Amino acid sequence: MKNNSKQHIFFVDDQPNIGKAVKDSLEQAGLKVSCFTSADDCLAKLHCQKCDLLITDVKMPGMDGLELLAEVKRSMPSLPVLVITGYGDVPMAVKALKTGAIDFIEKPLDRQSLLSAVRSALKPAAQSDSLSNKGLTGMEVKVLRLILDGKSCKDIADVLHRSVRTIETHRSHIMKKFGVDNAVNLVKKAFAAGLVDMPRNP
């Protein structure tokens, strides 16, 4: 696919080897990539260079990825930001989306998932997701909200005074309705469907 003017991606991770691997993958896909090992270095360049998409890891010394996200959203609210989160961390994913990330990528990074998330992030956000018609029951909505709070099936069972088995069944139905197979992807879909309130200004 040919691109007259290459889209420019800023990638922030304190591990240079990860930055190199991501740069190689994305440049093979025809994108321009600048890598940074700290949030401060990235911010300094953001104010003087064109950037179409920012991708940042969360856990970094000094300013972490969520602080960088919040800072970018204050000064450049229209810049799309993808956040890299570790190993299905639901509370972290929810926090990233509430702070203004458009999506997140799970570690360990997989080339196809990364490319897919990047392509999607670079597309104009024209499509509105019609997931609100998924037909969740009242109990499924309650279970979903507790999942989004990072609670386990056992915690949810305690809160709703149901058996763990019943909650697992509800969770399974919710996953099926959303067409996902894990809680982190469920978080993404729930946000896309507008089922979670996101503050306008973090």
N, C-alpha and C. Protein backbone atom coordinates (compact mmCIF):
# COMPACT_ATOMS: atom_id res chain seq x y z
N MET A 1 0.83 -1.20 0.00
CA MET A 1 0.00 0.00 0.00
C MET A 1 0.87 1.25 0.00
N LYS A 2 0.60 2.12 -0.94
CA LYS A 2 1.44 3.33 -1.05
C LYS A 2 0.82 4.49 -0.28
N ASN A 3 1.69 5.24 0.33
CA ASN A 3 1.27 6.41 1.10
C ASN A 3 2.14 7.57 0.70
N ASN A 4 1.54 8.65 0.15
CA ASN A 4 2.37 9.77 -0.31
C ASN A 4 3.10 10.41 0.87
N SER A 5 2.34 10.80 1.90
CA SER A 5 3.03 11.37 3.06
C SER A 5 2.86 10.38 4.20
N LYS A 6 3.96 9.86 4.67
CA LYS A 6 3.92 8.81 5.70
C LYS A 6 3.36 9.35 7.01
N GLN A 7 2.49 8.56 7.61
CA GLN A 7 1.99 8.94 8.92
C GLN A 7 3.09 8.69 9.96
N HIS A 8 3.20 9.62 10.89
CA HIS A 8 4.32 9.60 11.84
C HIS A 8 3.83 9.14 13.21
N ILE A 9 4.46 8.09 13.72
CA ILE A 9 4.08 7.54 15.02
C ILE A 9 5.20 7.77 16.03
N PHE A 10 4.83 8.23 17.22
CA PHE A 10 5.78 8.33 18.34
C PHE A 10 5.55 7.10 19.22
N PHE A 11 6.63 6.39 19.54
CA PHE A 11 6.53 5.19 20.39
C PHE A 11 7.40 5.39 21.63
N VAL A 12 6.79 5.22 22.82
CA VAL A 12 7.53 5.46 24.07
C VAL A 12 7.58 4.19 24.91
N ASP A 13 8.80 3.72 25.18
CA ASP A 13 9.01 2.56 26.04
C ASP A 13 10.43 2.65 26.57
N ASP A 14 10.61 2.41 27.86
CA ASP A 14 11.95 2.58 28.43
C ASP A 14 12.91 1.46 28.03
N GLN A 15 12.41 0.43 27.32
CA GLN A 15 13.29 -0.65 26.86
C GLN A 15 13.58 -0.47 25.36
N PRO A 16 14.81 -0.06 25.04
CA PRO A 16 15.15 0.26 23.63
C PRO A 16 14.92 -0.92 22.68
N ASN A 17 15.11 -2.17 23.17
CA ASN A 17 14.94 -3.32 22.26
C ASN A 17 13.48 -3.46 21.80
N ILE A 18 12.53 -3.12 22.70
CA ILE A 18 11.11 -3.16 22.32
C ILE A 18 10.85 -2.07 21.29
N GLY A 19 11.40 -0.88 21.54
CA GLY A 19 11.24 0.23 20.59
C GLY A 19 11.76 -0.14 19.20
N LYS A 20 12.91 -0.81 19.16
CA LYS A 20 13.49 -1.19 17.86
C LYS A 20 12.59 -2.18 17.13
N ALA A 21 12.08 -3.17 17.87
CA ALA A 21 11.21 -4.19 17.25
C ALA A 21 9.93 -3.55 16.69
N VAL A 22 9.35 -2.64 17.47
CA VAL A 22 8.12 -1.97 17.04
C VAL A 22 8.41 -1.08 15.82
N LYS A 23 9.50 -0.36 15.88
CA LYS A 23 9.89 0.53 14.77
C LYS A 23 10.04 -0.29 13.48
N ASP A 24 10.75 -1.43 13.58
CA ASP A 24 10.95 -2.28 12.39
C ASP A 24 9.61 -2.75 11.82
N SER A 25 8.73 -3.22 12.71
CA SER A 25 7.42 -3.75 12.26
C SER A 25 6.59 -2.67 11.58
N LEU A 26 6.52 -1.51 12.21
CA LEU A 26 5.66 -0.45 11.67
C LEU A 26 6.25 0.19 10.42
N GLU A 27 7.59 0.27 10.36
CA GLU A 27 8.20 0.86 9.16
C GLU A 27 8.04 -0.08 7.96
N GLN A 28 8.02 -1.40 8.22
CA GLN A 28 7.75 -2.36 7.13
C GLN A 28 6.34 -2.15 6.58
N ALA A 29 5.44 -1.64 7.44
CA ALA A 29 4.05 -1.39 7.02
C ALA A 29 3.90 0.00 6.40
N GLY A 30 5.03 0.69 6.17
CA GLY A 30 4.98 1.97 5.47
C GLY A 30 4.76 3.18 6.35
N LEU A 31 5.01 3.04 7.66
CA LEU A 31 4.81 4.16 8.58
C LEU A 31 6.16 4.71 9.03
N LYS A 32 6.17 5.97 9.45
CA LYS A 32 7.39 6.57 9.99
C LYS A 32 7.29 6.49 11.51
N VAL A 33 8.38 6.07 12.18
CA VAL A 33 8.33 5.87 13.63
C VAL A 33 9.50 6.57 14.32
N SER A 34 9.20 7.31 15.38
CA SER A 34 10.24 7.88 16.25
C SER A 34 10.10 7.23 17.62
N CYS A 35 11.19 6.69 18.15
CA CYS A 35 11.15 6.00 19.45
C CYS A 35 11.76 6.87 20.54
N PHE A 36 11.18 6.77 21.73
CA PHE A 36 11.67 7.51 22.90
C PHE A 36 11.73 6.56 24.09
N THR A 37 12.72 6.76 24.95
CA THR A 37 12.82 5.89 26.13
C THR A 37 12.28 6.57 27.39
N SER A 38 11.79 7.81 27.25
CA SER A 38 11.17 8.47 28.40
C SER A 38 10.05 9.39 27.93
N ALA A 39 9.07 9.59 28.82
CA ALA A 39 7.94 10.46 28.52
C ALA A 39 8.40 11.90 28.28
N ASP A 40 9.39 12.34 29.05
CA ASP A 40 9.88 13.72 28.92
C ASP A 40 10.47 13.99 27.53
N ASP A 41 11.27 13.01 27.04
CA ASP A 41 11.86 13.17 25.69
C ASP A 41 10.77 13.26 24.64
N CYS A 42 9.74 12.42 24.81
CA CYS A 42 8.62 12.40 23.86
C CYS A 42 7.90 13.76 23.86
N LEU A 43 7.59 14.27 25.04
CA LEU A 43 6.87 15.55 25.15
C LEU A 43 7.65 16.69 24.50
N ALA A 44 8.97 16.67 24.69
CA ALA A 44 9.80 17.73 24.11
C ALA A 44 9.67 17.74 22.58
N LYS A 45 9.65 16.55 21.97
CA LYS A 45 9.56 16.46 20.50
C LYS A 45 8.13 16.71 19.99
N LEU A 46 7.12 16.34 20.81
CA LEU A 46 5.73 16.51 20.39
C LEU A 46 5.41 17.96 20.04
N HIS A 47 6.09 18.88 20.74
CA HIS A 47 5.77 20.29 20.53
C HIS A 47 6.45 20.87 19.29
N CYS A 48 7.37 20.10 18.69
CA CYS A 48 8.04 20.67 17.51
C CYS A 48 8.03 19.73 16.30
N GLN A 49 7.42 18.55 16.43
CA GLN A 49 7.36 17.63 15.29
C GLN A 49 5.95 17.14 15.06
N LYS A 50 5.64 16.85 13.80
CA LYS A 50 4.32 16.30 13.46
C LYS A 50 4.20 14.88 14.04
N CYS A 51 3.06 14.60 14.66
CA CYS A 51 2.81 13.26 15.18
C CYS A 51 1.35 12.92 14.90
N ASP A 52 1.11 11.74 14.28
CA ASP A 52 -0.26 11.33 13.96
C ASP A 52 -0.83 10.37 14.99
N LEU A 53 0.06 9.70 15.73
CA LEU A 53 -0.38 8.72 16.72
C LEU A 53 0.73 8.53 17.75
N LEU A 54 0.34 8.53 19.02
CA LEU A 54 1.30 8.27 20.10
C LEU A 54 0.99 6.91 20.71
N ILE A 55 2.02 6.08 20.85
CA ILE A 55 1.87 4.78 21.53
C ILE A 55 2.81 4.79 22.73
N THR A 56 2.26 4.52 23.92
CA THR A 56 3.11 4.55 25.11
C THR A 56 2.90 3.35 26.02
N ASP A 57 4.01 2.86 26.56
CA ASP A 57 3.93 1.84 27.60
C ASP A 57 3.47 2.53 28.87
N VAL A 58 2.94 1.78 29.83
CA VAL A 58 2.48 2.39 31.07
C VAL A 58 3.63 2.48 32.07
N LYS A 59 4.30 1.36 32.32
CA LYS A 59 5.29 1.33 33.41
C LYS A 59 6.65 1.80 32.92
N MET A 60 6.99 3.02 33.34
CA MET A 60 8.29 3.58 32.98
C MET A 60 8.80 4.40 34.17
N PRO A 61 10.12 4.48 34.33
CA PRO A 61 10.64 5.33 35.41
C PRO A 61 10.32 6.80 35.12
N GLY A 62 10.23 7.61 36.17
CA GLY A 62 9.87 9.03 35.98
C GLY A 62 8.39 9.11 35.67
N MET A 63 8.03 9.92 34.68
CA MET A 63 6.63 10.05 34.30
C MET A 63 6.17 8.75 33.63
N ASP A 64 5.10 8.16 34.13
CA ASP A 64 4.65 6.90 33.51
C ASP A 64 3.70 7.18 32.34
N GLY A 65 3.26 6.12 31.67
CA GLY A 65 2.47 6.27 30.46
C GLY A 65 1.12 6.93 30.68
N LEU A 66 0.49 6.67 31.83
CA LEU A 66 -0.81 7.29 32.08
C LEU A 66 -0.66 8.78 32.37
N GLU A 67 0.44 9.15 33.03
CA GLU A 67 0.70 10.58 33.27
C GLU A 67 0.99 11.29 31.94
N LEU A 68 1.74 10.59 31.07
CA LEU A 68 2.03 11.15 29.74
C LEU A 68 0.73 11.33 28.96
N LEU A 69 -0.13 10.32 29.02
CA LEU A 69 -1.43 10.38 28.34
C LEU A 69 -2.23 11.60 28.83
N ALA A 70 -2.31 11.78 30.14
CA ALA A 70 -3.07 12.90 30.71
C ALA A 70 -2.48 14.24 30.25
N GLU A 71 -1.16 14.32 30.23
CA GLU A 71 -0.47 15.56 29.82
C GLU A 71 -0.77 15.87 28.34
N VAL A 72 -0.68 14.84 27.50
CA VAL A 72 -0.93 15.00 26.06
C VAL A 72 -2.38 15.42 25.82
N LYS A 73 -3.31 14.82 26.55
CA LYS A 73 -4.73 15.14 26.37
C LYS A 73 -5.05 16.57 26.79
N ARG A 74 -4.25 17.11 27.73
CA ARG A 74 -4.44 18.51 28.13
C ARG A 74 -3.96 19.46 27.03
N SER A 75 -2.78 19.14 26.46
CA SER A 75 -2.20 20.10 25.51
C SER A 75 -2.56 19.80 24.05
N MET A 76 -2.82 18.52 23.72
CA MET A 76 -3.14 18.14 22.34
C MET A 76 -4.31 17.15 22.35
N PRO A 77 -5.50 17.61 22.71
CA PRO A 77 -6.62 16.69 22.93
C PRO A 77 -7.01 15.84 21.73
N SER A 78 -6.69 16.31 20.51
CA SER A 78 -7.12 15.54 19.33
C SER A 78 -6.11 14.46 18.91
N LEU A 79 -4.93 14.42 19.55
CA LEU A 79 -3.93 13.41 19.17
C LEU A 79 -4.36 12.04 19.70
N PRO A 80 -4.52 11.04 18.81
CA PRO A 80 -4.89 9.71 19.31
C PRO A 80 -3.73 9.05 20.05
N VAL A 81 -4.06 8.39 21.16
CA VAL A 81 -3.03 7.73 21.98
C VAL A 81 -3.43 6.27 22.22
N LEU A 82 -2.49 5.37 21.93
CA LEU A 82 -2.66 3.95 22.25
C LEU A 82 -1.79 3.65 23.46
N VAL A 83 -2.31 2.88 24.38
CA VAL A 83 -1.56 2.56 25.60
C VAL A 83 -1.24 1.06 25.61
N ILE A 84 -0.01 0.74 26.01
CA ILE A 84 0.38 -0.68 26.14
C ILE A 84 0.18 -1.09 27.59
N THR A 85 -0.67 -2.09 27.82
CA THR A 85 -0.92 -2.54 29.19
C THR A 85 -0.45 -3.97 29.35
N GLY A 86 -0.10 -4.33 30.57
CA GLY A 86 0.45 -5.66 30.82
C GLY A 86 -0.59 -6.70 31.17
N TYR A 87 -0.54 -7.77 30.41
CA TYR A 87 -1.18 -9.03 30.82
C TYR A 87 -2.62 -8.92 31.33
N GLY A 88 -3.49 -8.38 30.51
CA GLY A 88 -4.91 -8.39 30.85
C GLY A 88 -5.26 -7.64 32.11
N ASP A 89 -4.62 -6.49 32.33
CA ASP A 89 -4.87 -5.70 33.54
C ASP A 89 -6.11 -4.83 33.32
N VAL A 90 -7.28 -5.33 33.76
CA VAL A 90 -8.55 -4.63 33.51
C VAL A 90 -8.60 -3.24 34.14
N PRO A 91 -8.27 -3.08 35.46
CA PRO A 91 -8.33 -1.74 36.05
C PRO A 91 -7.44 -0.73 35.31
N MET A 92 -6.25 -1.18 34.88
CA MET A 92 -5.34 -0.30 34.15
C MET A 92 -5.96 0.10 32.81
N ALA A 93 -6.58 -0.88 32.14
CA ALA A 93 -7.20 -0.60 30.84
C ALA A 93 -8.33 0.41 30.99
N VAL A 94 -9.16 0.22 32.02
CA VAL A 94 -10.27 1.15 32.27
C VAL A 94 -9.73 2.55 32.53
N LYS A 95 -8.69 2.63 33.35
CA LYS A 95 -8.12 3.94 33.68
C LYS A 95 -7.55 4.63 32.43
N ALA A 96 -6.88 3.84 31.58
CA ALA A 96 -6.30 4.40 30.36
C ALA A 96 -7.40 4.97 29.46
N LEU A 97 -8.49 4.21 29.30
CA LEU A 97 -9.59 4.67 28.43
C LEU A 97 -10.28 5.89 29.03
N LYS A 98 -10.44 5.90 30.35
CA LYS A 98 -11.08 7.06 30.99
C LYS A 98 -10.22 8.31 30.87
N THR A 99 -8.89 8.12 30.81
CA THR A 99 -8.00 9.27 30.70
C THR A 99 -7.93 9.79 29.27
N GLY A 100 -8.45 9.00 28.32
CA GLY A 100 -8.50 9.50 26.95
C GLY A 100 -7.82 8.64 25.90
N ALA A 101 -7.26 7.48 26.29
CA ALA A 101 -6.67 6.59 25.28
C ALA A 101 -7.78 6.09 24.36
N ILE A 102 -7.45 5.91 23.07
CA ILE A 102 -8.49 5.43 22.16
C ILE A 102 -8.53 3.90 22.16
N ASP A 103 -7.46 3.28 22.62
CA ASP A 103 -7.41 1.81 22.65
C ASP A 103 -6.18 1.43 23.45
N PHE A 104 -6.03 0.14 23.68
CA PHE A 104 -4.81 -0.33 24.31
C PHE A 104 -4.39 -1.64 23.70
N ILE A 105 -3.11 -1.92 23.81
CA ILE A 105 -2.54 -3.15 23.26
C ILE A 105 -1.97 -3.93 24.43
N GLU A 106 -2.23 -5.21 24.46
CA GLU A 106 -1.73 -6.03 25.56
C GLU A 106 -0.31 -6.52 25.29
N LYS A 107 0.47 -6.59 26.37
CA LYS A 107 1.77 -7.24 26.32
C LYS A 107 1.58 -8.73 26.57
N PRO A 108 2.44 -9.60 26.08
CA PRO A 108 3.55 -9.29 25.16
C PRO A 108 3.01 -8.86 23.80
N LEU A 109 3.73 -7.91 23.18
CA LEU A 109 3.26 -7.34 21.91
C LEU A 109 3.31 -8.38 20.80
N ASP A 110 2.22 -8.46 20.06
CA ASP A 110 2.13 -9.37 18.93
C ASP A 110 2.04 -8.50 17.68
N ARG A 111 2.83 -8.80 16.66
CA ARG A 111 2.94 -7.93 15.49
C ARG A 111 1.57 -7.65 14.84
N GLN A 112 0.78 -8.70 14.66
CA GLN A 112 -0.51 -8.53 13.98
C GLN A 112 -1.46 -7.65 14.79
N SER A 113 -1.52 -7.90 16.13
CA SER A 113 -2.40 -7.10 17.00
C SER A 113 -1.96 -5.65 16.99
N LEU A 114 -0.64 -5.44 17.02
CA LEU A 114 -0.10 -4.08 17.02
C LEU A 114 -0.49 -3.36 15.72
N LEU A 115 -0.27 -4.01 14.58
CA LEU A 115 -0.59 -3.39 13.29
C LEU A 115 -2.09 -3.10 13.18
N SER A 116 -2.89 -4.04 13.64
CA SER A 116 -4.34 -3.87 13.56
C SER A 116 -4.78 -2.68 14.42
N ALA A 117 -4.24 -2.57 15.66
CA ALA A 117 -4.60 -1.46 16.54
C ALA A 117 -4.14 -0.13 15.96
N VAL A 118 -2.94 -0.13 15.36
CA VAL A 118 -2.39 1.10 14.77
C VAL A 118 -3.22 1.55 13.57
N ARG A 119 -3.55 0.60 12.68
CA ARG A 119 -4.36 0.95 11.50
C ARG A 119 -5.71 1.51 11.92
N SER A 120 -6.30 0.86 12.90
CA SER A 120 -7.61 1.30 13.38
C SER A 120 -7.52 2.70 14.00
N ALA A 121 -6.44 2.95 14.76
CA ALA A 121 -6.26 4.25 15.42
C ALA A 121 -6.02 5.38 14.41
N LEU A 122 -5.41 5.05 13.27
CA LEU A 122 -5.09 6.07 12.28
C LEU A 122 -6.26 6.36 11.34
N LYS A 123 -7.29 5.51 11.39
CA LYS A 123 -8.49 5.76 10.57
C LYS A 123 -9.30 6.87 11.21
N PRO A 124 -9.96 7.70 10.41
CA PRO A 124 -10.83 8.71 11.02
C PRO A 124 -11.93 8.00 11.80
N ALA A 125 -12.21 8.49 12.99
CA ALA A 125 -13.20 7.81 13.84
C ALA A 125 -14.60 8.14 13.37
N ALA A 126 -15.00 7.51 12.27
CA ALA A 126 -16.31 7.83 11.71
C ALA A 126 -17.37 6.85 12.16
N GLN A 127 -16.95 5.57 12.31
CA GLN A 127 -17.98 4.58 12.63
C GLN A 127 -18.38 4.66 14.08
N SER A 128 -19.69 4.63 14.31
CA SER A 128 -20.10 4.53 15.71
C SER A 128 -20.55 3.10 15.94
N ASP A 129 -20.09 2.53 17.00
CA ASP A 129 -20.36 1.12 17.29
C ASP A 129 -21.79 0.97 17.79
N SER A 130 -22.50 0.02 17.20
CA SER A 130 -23.89 -0.15 17.60
C SER A 130 -24.06 -1.29 18.59
N LEU A 131 -23.13 -1.38 19.50
CA LEU A 131 -23.18 -2.50 20.45
C LEU A 131 -24.25 -2.32 21.51
N SER A 132 -24.81 -1.11 21.58
CA SER A 132 -25.82 -0.90 22.61
C SER A 132 -27.06 -1.77 22.37
N ASN A 133 -27.13 -2.37 21.17
CA ASN A 133 -28.27 -3.27 20.92
C ASN A 133 -27.95 -4.72 21.28
N LYS A 134 -26.99 -4.94 22.13
CA LYS A 134 -26.60 -6.31 22.42
C LYS A 134 -27.62 -7.04 23.27
N GLY A 135 -28.58 -6.31 23.83
CA GLY A 135 -29.65 -6.96 24.57
C GLY A 135 -29.21 -7.61 25.87
N LEU A 136 -28.41 -6.89 26.65
CA LEU A 136 -28.01 -7.42 27.96
C LEU A 136 -29.22 -7.38 28.90
N THR A 137 -29.35 -8.40 29.73
CA THR A 137 -30.40 -8.38 30.75
C THR A 137 -29.96 -7.45 31.88
N GLY A 138 -30.89 -7.09 32.76
CA GLY A 138 -30.56 -6.22 33.89
C GLY A 138 -29.43 -6.79 34.73
N MET A 139 -29.49 -8.10 34.99
CA MET A 139 -28.46 -8.73 35.81
C MET A 139 -27.11 -8.73 35.07
N GLU A 140 -27.14 -8.94 33.75
CA GLU A 140 -25.89 -8.93 32.98
C GLU A 140 -25.25 -7.55 33.00
N VAL A 141 -26.07 -6.50 32.97
CA VAL A 141 -25.53 -5.14 33.05
C VAL A 141 -24.82 -4.94 34.40
N LYS A 142 -25.46 -5.42 35.49
CA LYS A 142 -24.83 -5.30 36.82
C LYS A 142 -23.50 -6.06 36.85
N VAL A 143 -23.51 -7.28 36.31
CA VAL A 143 -22.29 -8.10 36.29
C VAL A 143 -21.21 -7.41 35.46
N LEU A 144 -21.60 -6.87 34.30
CA LEU A 144 -20.64 -6.18 33.43
C LEU A 144 -20.00 -5.01 34.15
N ARG A 145 -20.80 -4.20 34.83
CA ARG A 145 -20.24 -3.03 35.53
C ARG A 145 -19.23 -3.46 36.60
N LEU A 146 -19.52 -4.57 37.28
CA LEU A 146 -18.59 -5.05 38.31
C LEU A 146 -17.32 -5.63 37.69
N ILE A 147 -17.47 -6.26 36.52
CA ILE A 147 -16.27 -6.74 35.80
C ILE A 147 -15.39 -5.54 35.45
N LEU A 148 -16.04 -4.45 34.99
CA LEU A 148 -15.30 -3.24 34.60
C LEU A 148 -14.64 -2.56 35.80
N ASP A 149 -15.15 -2.87 37.00
CA ASP A 149 -14.50 -2.36 38.22
C ASP A 149 -13.33 -3.24 38.63
N GLY A 150 -13.06 -4.29 37.83
CA GLY A 150 -11.92 -5.16 38.11
C GLY A 150 -12.22 -6.26 39.10
N LYS A 151 -13.50 -6.52 39.37
CA LYS A 151 -13.85 -7.54 40.37
C LYS A 151 -13.84 -8.94 39.76
N SER A 152 -13.46 -9.92 40.59
CA SER A 152 -13.44 -11.31 40.16
C SER A 152 -14.85 -11.88 40.24
N CYS A 153 -15.05 -13.08 39.67
CA CYS A 153 -16.38 -13.72 39.74
C CYS A 153 -16.80 -13.93 41.19
N LYS A 154 -15.82 -14.28 42.04
CA LYS A 154 -16.15 -14.51 43.46
C LYS A 154 -16.60 -13.21 44.13
N ASP A 155 -15.87 -12.11 43.85
CA ASP A 155 -16.26 -10.80 44.40
C ASP A 155 -17.67 -10.42 43.95
N ILE A 156 -17.94 -10.63 42.65
CA ILE A 156 -19.25 -10.26 42.09
C ILE A 156 -20.35 -11.11 42.73
N ALA A 157 -20.05 -12.39 42.92
CA ALA A 157 -21.03 -13.29 43.56
C ALA A 157 -21.37 -12.79 44.97
N ASP A 158 -20.35 -12.33 45.70
CA ASP A 158 -20.57 -11.80 47.06
C ASP A 158 -21.43 -10.54 47.02
N VAL A 159 -21.11 -9.63 46.09
CA VAL A 159 -21.83 -8.36 46.00
C VAL A 159 -23.30 -8.58 45.62
N LEU A 160 -23.52 -9.48 44.67
CA LEU A 160 -24.89 -9.68 44.14
C LEU A 160 -25.65 -10.82 44.82
N HIS A 161 -24.99 -11.45 45.81
CA HIS A 161 -25.62 -12.55 46.55
C HIS A 161 -26.08 -13.67 45.62
N ARG A 162 -25.17 -14.06 44.73
CA ARG A 162 -25.42 -15.18 43.83
C ARG A 162 -24.26 -16.16 43.97
N SER A 163 -24.44 -17.36 43.43
CA SER A 163 -23.33 -18.32 43.48
C SER A 163 -22.29 -17.94 42.43
N VAL A 164 -21.04 -18.36 42.66
CA VAL A 164 -19.97 -18.08 41.70
C VAL A 164 -20.33 -18.69 40.35
N ARG A 165 -20.92 -19.88 40.38
CA ARG A 165 -21.30 -20.56 39.13
C ARG A 165 -22.29 -19.71 38.31
N THR A 166 -23.26 -19.11 39.02
CA THR A 166 -24.25 -18.25 38.34
C THR A 166 -23.57 -17.05 37.69
N ILE A 167 -22.64 -16.45 38.42
CA ILE A 167 -21.92 -15.27 37.89
C ILE A 167 -21.09 -15.69 36.67
N GLU A 168 -20.46 -16.86 36.75
CA GLU A 168 -19.65 -17.33 35.61
C GLU A 168 -20.53 -17.53 34.37
N THR A 169 -21.76 -18.00 34.60
CA THR A 169 -22.69 -18.18 33.48
C THR A 169 -23.06 -16.83 32.87
N HIS A 170 -23.37 -15.85 33.74
CA HIS A 170 -23.68 -14.49 33.24
C HIS A 170 -22.50 -13.94 32.45
N ARG A 171 -21.30 -14.11 33.01
CA ARG A 171 -20.09 -13.59 32.38
C ARG A 171 -19.91 -14.21 30.99
N SER A 172 -20.16 -15.52 30.92
CA SER A 172 -20.04 -16.23 29.65
C SER A 172 -21.05 -15.70 28.62
N HIS A 173 -22.29 -15.43 29.08
CA HIS A 173 -23.31 -14.89 28.17
C HIS A 173 -22.92 -13.49 27.68
N ILE A 174 -22.39 -12.68 28.59
CA ILE A 174 -21.97 -11.32 28.23
C ILE A 174 -20.87 -11.38 27.17
N MET A 175 -19.87 -12.23 27.41
CA MET A 175 -18.75 -12.38 26.47
C MET A 175 -19.29 -12.78 25.08
N LYS A 176 -20.24 -13.73 25.09
CA LYS A 176 -20.79 -14.23 23.82
C LYS A 176 -21.52 -13.10 23.08
N LYS A 177 -22.30 -12.31 23.83
CA LYS A 177 -23.05 -11.22 23.21
C LYS A 177 -22.12 -10.16 22.61
N PHE A 178 -20.97 -9.97 23.25
CA PHE A 178 -20.02 -8.98 22.76
C PHE A 178 -19.02 -9.57 21.77
N GLY A 179 -19.05 -10.89 21.60
CA GLY A 179 -18.14 -11.54 20.66
C GLY A 179 -16.69 -11.47 21.07
N VAL A 180 -16.43 -11.59 22.39
CA VAL A 180 -15.05 -11.53 22.89
C VAL A 180 -14.76 -12.78 23.73
N ASP A 181 -13.45 -13.01 23.96
CA ASP A 181 -13.11 -14.20 24.74
C ASP A 181 -12.29 -13.89 26.00
N ASN A 182 -12.11 -12.59 26.31
CA ASN A 182 -11.44 -12.26 27.58
C ASN A 182 -11.91 -10.90 28.09
N ALA A 183 -11.64 -10.66 29.37
CA ALA A 183 -12.18 -9.48 30.05
C ALA A 183 -11.61 -8.17 29.49
N VAL A 184 -10.35 -8.19 29.06
CA VAL A 184 -9.75 -6.95 28.55
C VAL A 184 -10.44 -6.52 27.25
N ASN A 185 -10.72 -7.48 26.35
CA ASN A 185 -11.43 -7.12 25.11
C ASN A 185 -12.86 -6.68 25.42
N LEU A 186 -13.42 -7.25 26.49
CA LEU A 186 -14.76 -6.84 26.90
C LEU A 186 -14.77 -5.37 27.31
N VAL A 187 -13.72 -4.94 28.01
CA VAL A 187 -13.60 -3.53 28.41
C VAL A 187 -13.63 -2.64 27.18
N LYS A 188 -12.85 -3.02 26.15
CA LYS A 188 -12.80 -2.22 24.92
C LYS A 188 -14.20 -2.07 24.32
N LYS A 189 -14.89 -3.22 24.20
CA LYS A 189 -16.21 -3.21 23.57
C LYS A 189 -17.22 -2.41 24.39
N ALA A 190 -17.13 -2.52 25.71
CA ALA A 190 -18.06 -1.80 26.57
C ALA A 190 -17.87 -0.29 26.42
N PHE A 191 -16.62 0.15 26.31
CA PHE A 191 -16.35 1.58 26.09
C PHE A 191 -16.85 2.00 24.71
N ALA A 192 -16.59 1.17 23.70
CA ALA A 192 -17.03 1.50 22.34
C ALA A 192 -18.55 1.62 22.28
N ALA A 193 -19.24 0.83 23.10
CA ALA A 193 -20.70 0.84 23.10
C ALA A 193 -21.28 1.94 23.96
N GLY A 194 -20.40 2.71 24.62
CA GLY A 194 -20.89 3.78 25.49
C GLY A 194 -21.53 3.26 26.76
N LEU A 195 -21.15 2.05 27.17
CA LEU A 195 -21.74 1.47 28.38
C LEU A 195 -21.00 1.91 29.64
N VAL A 196 -19.89 2.63 29.45
CA VAL A 196 -19.13 3.11 30.59
C VAL A 196 -19.01 4.62 30.44
N ASP A 197 -19.30 5.34 31.51
CA ASP A 197 -19.23 6.82 31.43
C ASP A 197 -17.77 7.24 31.42
N MET A 198 -17.42 8.06 30.44
CA MET A 198 -16.06 8.59 30.39
C MET A 198 -16.09 10.09 30.56
N PRO A 199 -15.35 10.62 31.53
CA PRO A 199 -15.34 12.07 31.70
C PRO A 199 -14.71 12.73 30.49
N ARG A 200 -15.24 13.91 30.11
CA ARG A 200 -14.68 14.63 28.94
C ARG A 200 -13.28 15.13 29.22
N ASN A 201 -13.11 15.67 30.42
CA ASN A 201 -11.78 16.22 30.76
C ASN A 201 -11.18 15.38 31.87
N PRO A 202 -10.09 14.66 31.57
CA PRO A 202 -9.46 13.84 32.61
C PRO A 202 -8.95 14.70 33.75
